[in-house]
Amino acid sequence: MISDNIRKVKEKIAQSCERAGRADNEVTLIAVSKTKPVALLKQAYDAGIRDFGENKVQELVDKLPQLPDDIRWHMIGHLQRNKVKYIIDKVWLIHSVDSLRLAQEISREAVKRQITANILVEVNIAEEGSKFGAAAQEAEELVEAISRLPGICVKGLMTVAPYVEDAEQNRGFFRNLKQLSVDIAEKNIDNISMNILSMGMTGDYGVAVEEGATYVRVGTGIFGERDYSV
């Protein structure tokens, strides 16, 4: 049952918070619902989930009108500039801003609609060639450049850590991203806050929480493997 899975994930988050001396209400659980049918999302909603993450623009746009309007939608996948206009006024937070050009497009569309877009800057903290994201040494400069754009507000950082069998292998990456967020916050850049640290997925969210994650993105741990029958 999805409700049981959610309960177990929340229990693990609470245990990780306790080990780290944090309050469990500091961590928001995002249910990653890519490829999952709306019926399963409704089950998660009924179990108390209000934050859902999608990887693809079209899937998010299709699902949104079929679900309650108090859901906070998160765009967590790689976002192409020509798709920004479809989601700019539909998502609560864009996690995957990895370049100034993408931020500029988000800014343009936000200004056009007279809204402020909340974003996270994606950092490729493990420097994997197959992953999107700014290099850690470039992140501060990127954040500063984005801070000057109208209609956009940087809320923190996001990373997709390597897929590992042992979550402990990612602890150093999570720790480094947390330190990077602290370093940027100390600069007191206008229009920038580092309140959100989006890191940790099904295999390693416990460790991510211990290292300071405020948003964890859990898909398989809630919905099971892909291609559930409806």
C-alpha atoms as a PDB file:
ATOM      1  CA  MET A   1       0.000   0.000   0.000  1.00  0.00           C
ATOM      2  CA  ILE A   2       1.226   3.456  -0.868  1.00  0.00           C
ATOM      3  CA  SER A   3       0.051   4.828   2.486  1.00  0.00           C
ATOM      4  CA  ASP A   4       2.233   2.259   4.269  1.00  0.00           C
ATOM      5  CA  ASN A   5       5.210   3.185   2.129  1.00  0.00           C
ATOM      6  CA  ILE A   6       4.730   6.867   2.924  1.00  0.00           C
ATOM      7  CA  ARG A   7       4.516   6.102   6.632  1.00  0.00           C
ATOM      8  CA  LYS A   8       7.787   4.143   6.474  1.00  0.00           C
ATOM      9  CA  VAL A   9       9.549   6.919   4.555  1.00  0.00           C
ATOM     10  CA  LYS A  10       8.372   9.527   7.044  1.00  0.00           C
ATOM     11  CA  GLU A  11       9.511   7.340   9.937  1.00  0.00           C
ATOM     12  CA  LYS A  12      12.962   7.034   8.396  1.00  0.00           C
ATOM     13  CA  ILE A  13      13.118  10.807   7.866  1.00  0.00           C
ATOM     14  CA  ALA A  14      12.170  11.328  11.529  1.00  0.00           C
ATOM     15  CA  GLN A  15      14.873   8.893  12.664  1.00  0.00           C
ATOM     16  CA  SER A  16      17.485  10.649  10.513  1.00  0.00           C
ATOM     17  CA  CYS A  17      16.405  14.022  11.896  1.00  0.00           C
ATOM     18  CA  GLU A  18      16.720  12.698  15.426  1.00  0.00           C
ATOM     19  CA  ARG A  19      20.259  11.457  14.765  1.00  0.00           C
ATOM     20  CA  ALA A  20      21.172  14.856  13.326  1.00  0.00           C
ATOM     21  CA  GLY A  21      19.511  16.835  16.113  1.00  0.00           C
ATOM     22  CA  ARG A  22      16.942  18.321  13.740  1.00  0.00           C
ATOM     23  CA  ALA A  23      13.169  18.674  13.941  1.00  0.00           C
ATOM     24  CA  ASP A  24      11.430  16.412  11.431  1.00  0.00           C
ATOM     25  CA  ASN A  25       9.255  19.312  10.270  1.00  0.00           C
ATOM     26  CA  GLU A  26      12.409  20.795   8.716  1.00  0.00           C
ATOM     27  CA  VAL A  27      12.206  18.189   5.940  1.00  0.00           C
ATOM     28  CA  THR A  28       9.617  18.136   3.150  1.00  0.00           C
ATOM     29  CA  LEU A  29       8.901  14.855   1.398  1.00  0.00           C
ATOM     30  CA  ILE A  30       8.361  15.174  -2.358  1.00  0.00           C
ATOM     31  CA  ALA A  31       6.656  12.188  -3.975  1.00  0.00           C
ATOM     32  CA  VAL A  32       8.348  11.692  -7.345  1.00  0.00           C
ATOM     33  CA  SER A  33       5.482  10.605  -9.541  1.00  0.00           C
ATOM     34  CA  LYS A  34       7.076  10.322 -12.984  1.00  0.00           C
ATOM     35  CA  THR A  35       5.461   7.604 -15.136  1.00  0.00           C
ATOM     36  CA  LYS A  36       2.905   6.907 -12.401  1.00  0.00           C
ATOM     37  CA  PRO A  37      -0.828   7.021 -13.183  1.00  0.00           C
ATOM     38  CA  VAL A  38      -3.035   9.647 -11.579  1.00  0.00           C
ATOM     39  CA  ALA A  39      -4.825   6.967  -9.537  1.00  0.00           C
ATOM     40  CA  LEU A  40      -1.620   6.309  -7.603  1.00  0.00           C
ATOM     41  CA  LEU A  41      -0.977   9.999  -7.087  1.00  0.00           C
ATOM     42  CA  LYS A  42      -4.474  10.266  -5.608  1.00  0.00           C
ATOM     43  CA  GLN A  43      -3.603   7.508  -3.151  1.00  0.00           C
ATOM     44  CA  ALA A  44      -0.495   9.424  -2.094  1.00  0.00           C
ATOM     45  CA  TYR A  45      -2.550  12.600  -1.789  1.00  0.00           C
ATOM     46  CA  ASP A  46      -5.093  10.814   0.389  1.00  0.00           C
ATOM     47  CA  ALA A  47      -2.185   9.667   2.580  1.00  0.00           C
ATOM     48  CA  GLY A  48      -1.199  13.282   3.175  1.00  0.00           C
ATOM     49  CA  ILE A  49       1.315  14.069   0.423  1.00  0.00           C
ATOM     50  CA  ARG A  50       0.995  17.611  -0.943  1.00  0.00           C
ATOM     51  CA  ASP A  51       4.319  17.922  -2.786  1.00  0.00           C
ATOM     52  CA  PHE A  52       4.728  16.025  -6.050  1.00  0.00           C
ATOM     53  CA  GLY A  53       7.736  16.034  -8.351  1.00  0.00           C
ATOM     54  CA  GLU A  54       7.700  15.414 -12.084  1.00  0.00           C
ATOM     55  CA  ASN A  55      10.609  15.033 -14.508  1.00  0.00           C
ATOM     56  CA  LYS A  56       8.835  15.837 -17.760  1.00  0.00           C
ATOM     57  CA  VAL A  57       6.881  18.944 -18.632  1.00  0.00           C
ATOM     58  CA  GLN A  58       4.174  17.186 -20.627  1.00  0.00           C
ATOM     59  CA  GLU A  59       3.476  14.673 -17.889  1.00  0.00           C
ATOM     60  CA  LEU A  60       3.177  17.407 -15.288  1.00  0.00           C
ATOM     61  CA  VAL A  61       0.844  19.477 -17.474  1.00  0.00           C
ATOM     62  CA  ASP A  62      -1.337  16.425 -18.150  1.00  0.00           C
ATOM     63  CA  LYS A  63      -1.648  15.388 -14.512  1.00  0.00           C
ATOM     64  CA  LEU A  64      -2.121  18.774 -12.898  1.00  0.00           C
ATOM     65  CA  PRO A  65      -5.791  19.397 -13.857  1.00  0.00           C
ATOM     66  CA  GLN A  66      -6.752  15.894 -12.725  1.00  0.00           C
ATOM     67  CA  LEU A  67      -5.626  16.439  -9.141  1.00  0.00           C
ATOM     68  CA  PRO A  68      -6.534  18.790  -6.252  1.00  0.00           C
ATOM     69  CA  ASP A  69      -5.369  22.351  -6.584  1.00  0.00           C
ATOM     70  CA  ASP A  70      -3.639  22.511  -3.184  1.00  0.00           C
ATOM     71  CA  ILE A  71      -0.794  20.344  -4.504  1.00  0.00           C
ATOM     72  CA  ARG A  72       2.609  21.995  -4.809  1.00  0.00           C
ATOM     73  CA  TRP A  73       4.183  20.805  -8.042  1.00  0.00           C
ATOM     74  CA  HIS A  74       7.956  20.545  -8.387  1.00  0.00           C
ATOM     75  CA  MET A  75       9.796  20.385 -11.695  1.00  0.00           C
ATOM     76  CA  ILE A  76      12.748  18.181 -10.857  1.00  0.00           C
ATOM     77  CA  GLY A  77      13.895  16.976 -14.274  1.00  0.00           C
ATOM     78  CA  HIS A  78      16.104  18.681 -16.829  1.00  0.00           C
ATOM     79  CA  LEU A  79      14.165  21.629 -18.230  1.00  0.00           C
ATOM     80  CA  GLN A  80      14.582  22.760 -21.830  1.00  0.00           C
ATOM     81  CA  ARG A  81      14.280  26.475 -22.442  1.00  0.00           C
ATOM     82  CA  ASN A  82      11.504  26.052 -25.008  1.00  0.00           C
ATOM     83  CA  LYS A  83       9.361  24.237 -22.412  1.00  0.00           C
ATOM     84  CA  VAL A  84       9.571  26.882 -19.689  1.00  0.00           C
ATOM     85  CA  LYS A  85       6.420  28.698 -20.867  1.00  0.00           C
ATOM     86  CA  TYR A  86       4.286  25.595 -20.279  1.00  0.00           C
ATOM     87  CA  ILE A  87       5.048  25.264 -16.574  1.00  0.00           C
ATOM     88  CA  ILE A  88       6.211  28.672 -15.365  1.00  0.00           C
ATOM     89  CA  ASP A  89       2.881  29.534 -13.721  1.00  0.00           C
ATOM     90  CA  LYS A  90       2.015  25.955 -12.725  1.00  0.00           C
ATOM     91  CA  VAL A  91       4.885  24.803 -10.532  1.00  0.00           C
ATOM     92  CA  TRP A  92       5.747  25.908  -7.036  1.00  0.00           C
ATOM     93  CA  LEU A  93       9.472  25.294  -7.479  1.00  0.00           C
ATOM     94  CA  ILE A  94      11.852  24.518 -10.350  1.00  0.00           C
ATOM     95  CA  HIS A  95      14.685  22.416  -8.928  1.00  0.00           C
ATOM     96  CA  SER A  96      16.814  21.965 -12.009  1.00  0.00           C
ATOM     97  CA  VAL A  97      18.153  25.356 -13.114  1.00  0.00           C
ATOM     98  CA  ASP A  98      21.633  24.511 -14.351  1.00  0.00           C
ATOM     99  CA  SER A  99      22.592  27.484 -16.536  1.00  0.00           C
ATOM    100  CA  LEU A 100      22.234  31.237 -16.839  1.00  0.00           C
ATOM    101  CA  ARG A 101      20.504  30.838 -20.218  1.00  0.00           C
ATOM    102  CA  LEU A 102      17.759  28.724 -18.663  1.00  0.00           C
ATOM    103  CA  ALA A 103      17.390  31.211 -15.807  1.00  0.00           C
ATOM    104  CA  GLN A 104      17.100  34.060 -18.310  1.00  0.00           C
ATOM    105  CA  GLU A 105      14.269  32.256 -20.098  1.00  0.00           C
ATOM    106  CA  ILE A 106      12.494  31.619 -16.791  1.00  0.00           C
ATOM    107  CA  SER A 107      12.920  35.309 -15.955  1.00  0.00           C
ATOM    108  CA  ARG A 108      11.455  36.388 -19.307  1.00  0.00           C
ATOM    109  CA  GLU A 109       8.403  34.179 -18.953  1.00  0.00           C
ATOM    110  CA  ALA A 110       7.867  35.141 -15.308  1.00  0.00           C
ATOM    111  CA  VAL A 111       8.011  38.865 -16.091  1.00  0.00           C
ATOM    112  CA  LYS A 112       5.582  38.341 -18.977  1.00  0.00           C
ATOM    113  CA  ARG A 113       3.083  36.778 -16.554  1.00  0.00           C
ATOM    114  CA  GLN A 114       3.881  39.186 -13.707  1.00  0.00           C
ATOM    115  CA  ILE A 115       4.861  36.415 -11.316  1.00  0.00           C
ATOM    116  CA  THR A 116       7.984  35.457  -9.385  1.00  0.00           C
ATOM    117  CA  ALA A 117       9.415  32.044 -10.207  1.00  0.00           C
ATOM    118  CA  ASN A 118      11.002  30.134  -7.338  1.00  0.00           C
ATOM    119  CA  ILE A 119      14.037  28.136  -8.411  1.00  0.00           C
ATOM    120  CA  LEU A 120      16.914  26.063  -7.128  1.00  0.00           C
ATOM    121  CA  VAL A 121      20.319  26.033  -8.773  1.00  0.00           C
ATOM    122  CA  GLU A 122      21.298  22.481  -9.701  1.00  0.00           C
ATOM    123  CA  VAL A 123      24.865  21.560  -8.773  1.00  0.00           C
ATOM    124  CA  ASN A 124      26.677  18.525 -10.150  1.00  0.00           C
ATOM    125  CA  ILE A 125      28.413  18.032  -6.835  1.00  0.00           C
ATOM    126  CA  ALA A 126      29.874  14.633  -7.777  1.00  0.00           C
ATOM    127  CA  GLU A 127      31.115  15.957 -11.139  1.00  0.00           C
ATOM    128  CA  GLU A 128      29.536  13.094 -13.070  1.00  0.00           C
ATOM    129  CA  GLY A 129      29.811  13.477 -16.823  1.00  0.00           C
ATOM    130  CA  SER A 130      26.336  12.053 -17.371  1.00  0.00           C
ATOM    131  CA  LYS A 131      24.585  14.511 -15.045  1.00  0.00           C
ATOM    132  CA  PHE A 132      23.339  18.057 -15.512  1.00  0.00           C
ATOM    133  CA  GLY A 133      24.218  20.832 -13.098  1.00  0.00           C
ATOM    134  CA  ALA A 134      26.776  23.548 -12.543  1.00  0.00           C
ATOM    135  CA  ALA A 135      30.168  22.539 -11.211  1.00  0.00           C
ATOM    136  CA  ALA A 136      30.557  23.332  -7.525  1.00  0.00           C
ATOM    137  CA  GLN A 137      33.255  25.929  -8.221  1.00  0.00           C
ATOM    138  CA  GLU A 138      30.949  27.716 -10.683  1.00  0.00           C
ATOM    139  CA  ALA A 139      27.785  27.627  -8.583  1.00  0.00           C
ATOM    140  CA  GLU A 140      28.365  30.802  -6.598  1.00  0.00           C
ATOM    141  CA  GLU A 141      29.044  32.823  -9.735  1.00  0.00           C
ATOM    142  CA  LEU A 142      25.916  31.393 -11.370  1.00  0.00           C
ATOM    143  CA  VAL A 143      23.796  32.215  -8.326  1.00  0.00           C
ATOM    144  CA  GLU A 144      25.093  35.797  -8.335  1.00  0.00           C
ATOM    145  CA  ALA A 145      24.305  36.218 -12.029  1.00  0.00           C
ATOM    146  CA  ILE A 146      20.786  34.844 -11.583  1.00  0.00           C
ATOM    147  CA  SER A 147      20.184  37.091  -8.578  1.00  0.00           C
ATOM    148  CA  ARG A 148      20.153  40.114 -10.870  1.00  0.00           C
ATOM    149  CA  LEU A 149      17.337  38.784 -13.071  1.00  0.00           C
ATOM    150  CA  PRO A 150      13.777  40.096 -12.572  1.00  0.00           C
ATOM    151  CA  GLY A 151      10.898  37.768 -11.815  1.00  0.00           C
ATOM    152  CA  ILE A 152      13.053  35.046 -10.313  1.00  0.00           C
ATOM    153  CA  CYS A 153      14.036  34.079  -6.771  1.00  0.00           C
ATOM    154  CA  VAL A 154      16.749  31.574  -5.874  1.00  0.00           C
ATOM    155  CA  LYS A 155      15.627  29.534  -2.869  1.00  0.00           C
ATOM    156  CA  GLY A 156      18.590  27.172  -2.556  1.00  0.00           C
ATOM    157  CA  LEU A 157      20.489  24.340  -4.209  1.00  0.00           C
ATOM    158  CA  MET A 158      19.693  20.913  -5.616  1.00  0.00           C
ATOM    159  CA  THR A 159      21.779  17.917  -6.621  1.00  0.00           C
ATOM    160  CA  VAL A 160      21.294  14.440  -8.055  1.00  0.00           C
ATOM    161  CA  ALA A 161      23.841  12.273  -6.292  1.00  0.00           C
ATOM    162  CA  PRO A 162      25.376   9.167  -7.921  1.00  0.00           C
ATOM    163  CA  TYR A 163      23.438   5.913  -7.887  1.00  0.00           C
ATOM    164  CA  VAL A 164      25.150   3.783  -5.252  1.00  0.00           C
ATOM    165  CA  GLU A 165      24.444   0.533  -3.442  1.00  0.00           C
ATOM    166  CA  ASP A 166      25.626   1.981  -0.137  1.00  0.00           C
ATOM    167  CA  ALA A 167      24.143   5.373   0.749  1.00  0.00           C
ATOM    168  CA  GLU A 168      27.193   6.181   2.863  1.00  0.00           C
ATOM    169  CA  GLN A 169      29.143   6.633  -0.364  1.00  0.00           C
ATOM    170  CA  ASN A 170      27.107   9.790  -1.019  1.00  0.00           C
ATOM    171  CA  ARG A 171      27.496  11.314   2.443  1.00  0.00           C
ATOM    172  CA  GLY A 172      30.497  13.399   1.398  1.00  0.00           C
ATOM    173  CA  PHE A 173      28.658  14.804  -1.614  1.00  0.00           C
ATOM    174  CA  PHE A 174      25.684  15.835   0.525  1.00  0.00           C
ATOM    175  CA  ARG A 175      28.006  17.381   3.102  1.00  0.00           C
ATOM    176  CA  ASN A 176      29.798  19.336   0.379  1.00  0.00           C
ATOM    177  CA  LEU A 177      26.532  20.678  -1.047  1.00  0.00           C
ATOM    178  CA  LYS A 178      25.431  21.769   2.423  1.00  0.00           C
ATOM    179  CA  GLN A 179      28.745  23.566   2.925  1.00  0.00           C
ATOM    180  CA  LEU A 180      28.392  25.237  -0.476  1.00  0.00           C
ATOM    181  CA  SER A 181      24.946  26.511   0.513  1.00  0.00           C
ATOM    182  CA  VAL A 182      26.359  27.888   3.769  1.00  0.00           C
ATOM    183  CA  ASP A 183      29.194  29.617   1.912  1.00  0.00           C
ATOM    184  CA  ILE A 184      26.768  31.235  -0.545  1.00  0.00           C
ATOM    185  CA  ALA A 185      24.381  32.281   2.229  1.00  0.00           C
ATOM    186  CA  GLU A 186      27.227  34.064   4.005  1.00  0.00           C
ATOM    187  CA  LYS A 187      27.665  36.336   0.973  1.00  0.00           C
ATOM    188  CA  ASN A 188      24.248  37.890   1.701  1.00  0.00           C
ATOM    189  CA  ILE A 189      23.457  38.277  -1.997  1.00  0.00           C
ATOM    190  CA  ASP A 190      20.233  40.188  -2.681  1.00  0.00           C
ATOM    191  CA  ASN A 191      17.323  38.047  -3.915  1.00  0.00           C
ATOM    192  CA  ILE A 192      19.053  34.846  -2.763  1.00  0.00           C
ATOM    193  CA  SER A 193      18.209  32.554   0.117  1.00  0.00           C
ATOM    194  CA  MET A 194      19.728  29.162   0.814  1.00  0.00           C
ATOM    195  CA  ASN A 195      16.836  27.836   2.872  1.00  0.00           C
ATOM    196  CA  ILE A 196      16.178  24.866   0.592  1.00  0.00           C
ATOM    197  CA  LEU A 197      18.571  21.997   0.031  1.00  0.00           C
ATOM    198  CA  SER A 198      17.009  19.460  -2.328  1.00  0.00           C
ATOM    199  CA  MET A 199      19.036  16.261  -2.143  1.00  0.00           C
ATOM    200  CA  GLY A 200      18.467  12.599  -1.453  1.00  0.00           C
ATOM    201  CA  MET A 201      16.314  10.046  -3.252  1.00  0.00           C
ATOM    202  CA  THR A 202      14.934   6.592  -2.439  1.00  0.00           C
ATOM    203  CA  GLY A 203      18.323   4.971  -1.928  1.00  0.00           C
ATOM    204  CA  ASP A 204      20.013   7.639   0.160  1.00  0.00           C
ATOM    205  CA  TYR A 205      17.517  10.145   1.581  1.00  0.00           C
ATOM    206  CA  GLY A 206      18.252   9.099   5.156  1.00  0.00           C
ATOM    207  CA  VAL A 207      21.900  10.099   4.820  1.00  0.00           C
ATOM    208  CA  ALA A 208      20.901  13.267   2.930  1.00  0.00           C
ATOM    209  CA  VAL A 209      18.657  14.333   5.814  1.00  0.00           C
ATOM    210  CA  GLU A 210      21.472  13.726   8.300  1.00  0.00           C
ATOM    211  CA  GLU A 211      23.632  16.069   6.199  1.00  0.00           C
ATOM    212  CA  GLY A 212      21.092  18.880   5.978  1.00  0.00           C
ATOM    213  CA  ALA A 213      18.548  18.107   3.226  1.00  0.00           C
ATOM    214  CA  THR A 214      15.333  20.076   3.585  1.00  0.00           C
ATOM    215  CA  TYR A 215      13.623  18.470   0.556  1.00  0.00           C
ATOM    216  CA  VAL A 216      13.973  14.792  -0.326  1.00  0.00           C
ATOM    217  CA  ARG A 217      12.688  13.355  -3.599  1.00  0.00           C
ATOM    218  CA  VAL A 218      11.337   9.824  -3.188  1.00  0.00           C
ATOM    219  CA  GLY A 219       9.733   7.876  -6.030  1.00  0.00           C
ATOM    220  CA  THR A 220      10.358   4.126  -5.853  1.00  0.00           C
ATOM    221  CA  GLY A 221      10.191   4.194  -2.045  1.00  0.00           C
ATOM    222  CA  ILE A 222       6.595   5.430  -2.289  1.00  0.00           C
ATOM    223  CA  PHE A 223       5.196   4.135  -5.558  1.00  0.00           C
ATOM    224  CA  GLY A 224       7.358   1.044  -6.146  1.00  0.00           C
ATOM    225  CA  GLU A 225       9.116   0.271  -9.399  1.00  0.00           C
ATOM    226  CA  ARG A 226       7.870   1.731 -12.681  1.00  0.00           C
ATOM    227  CA  ASP A 227       4.874   0.443 -14.600  1.00  0.00           C
ATOM    228  CA  TYR A 228       2.507  -0.287 -11.774  1.00  0.00           C
ATOM    229  CA  SER A 229      -0.815  -1.401 -13.208  1.00  0.00           C
ATOM    230  CA  VAL A 230      -3.515   1.156 -12.411  1.00  0.00           C
END
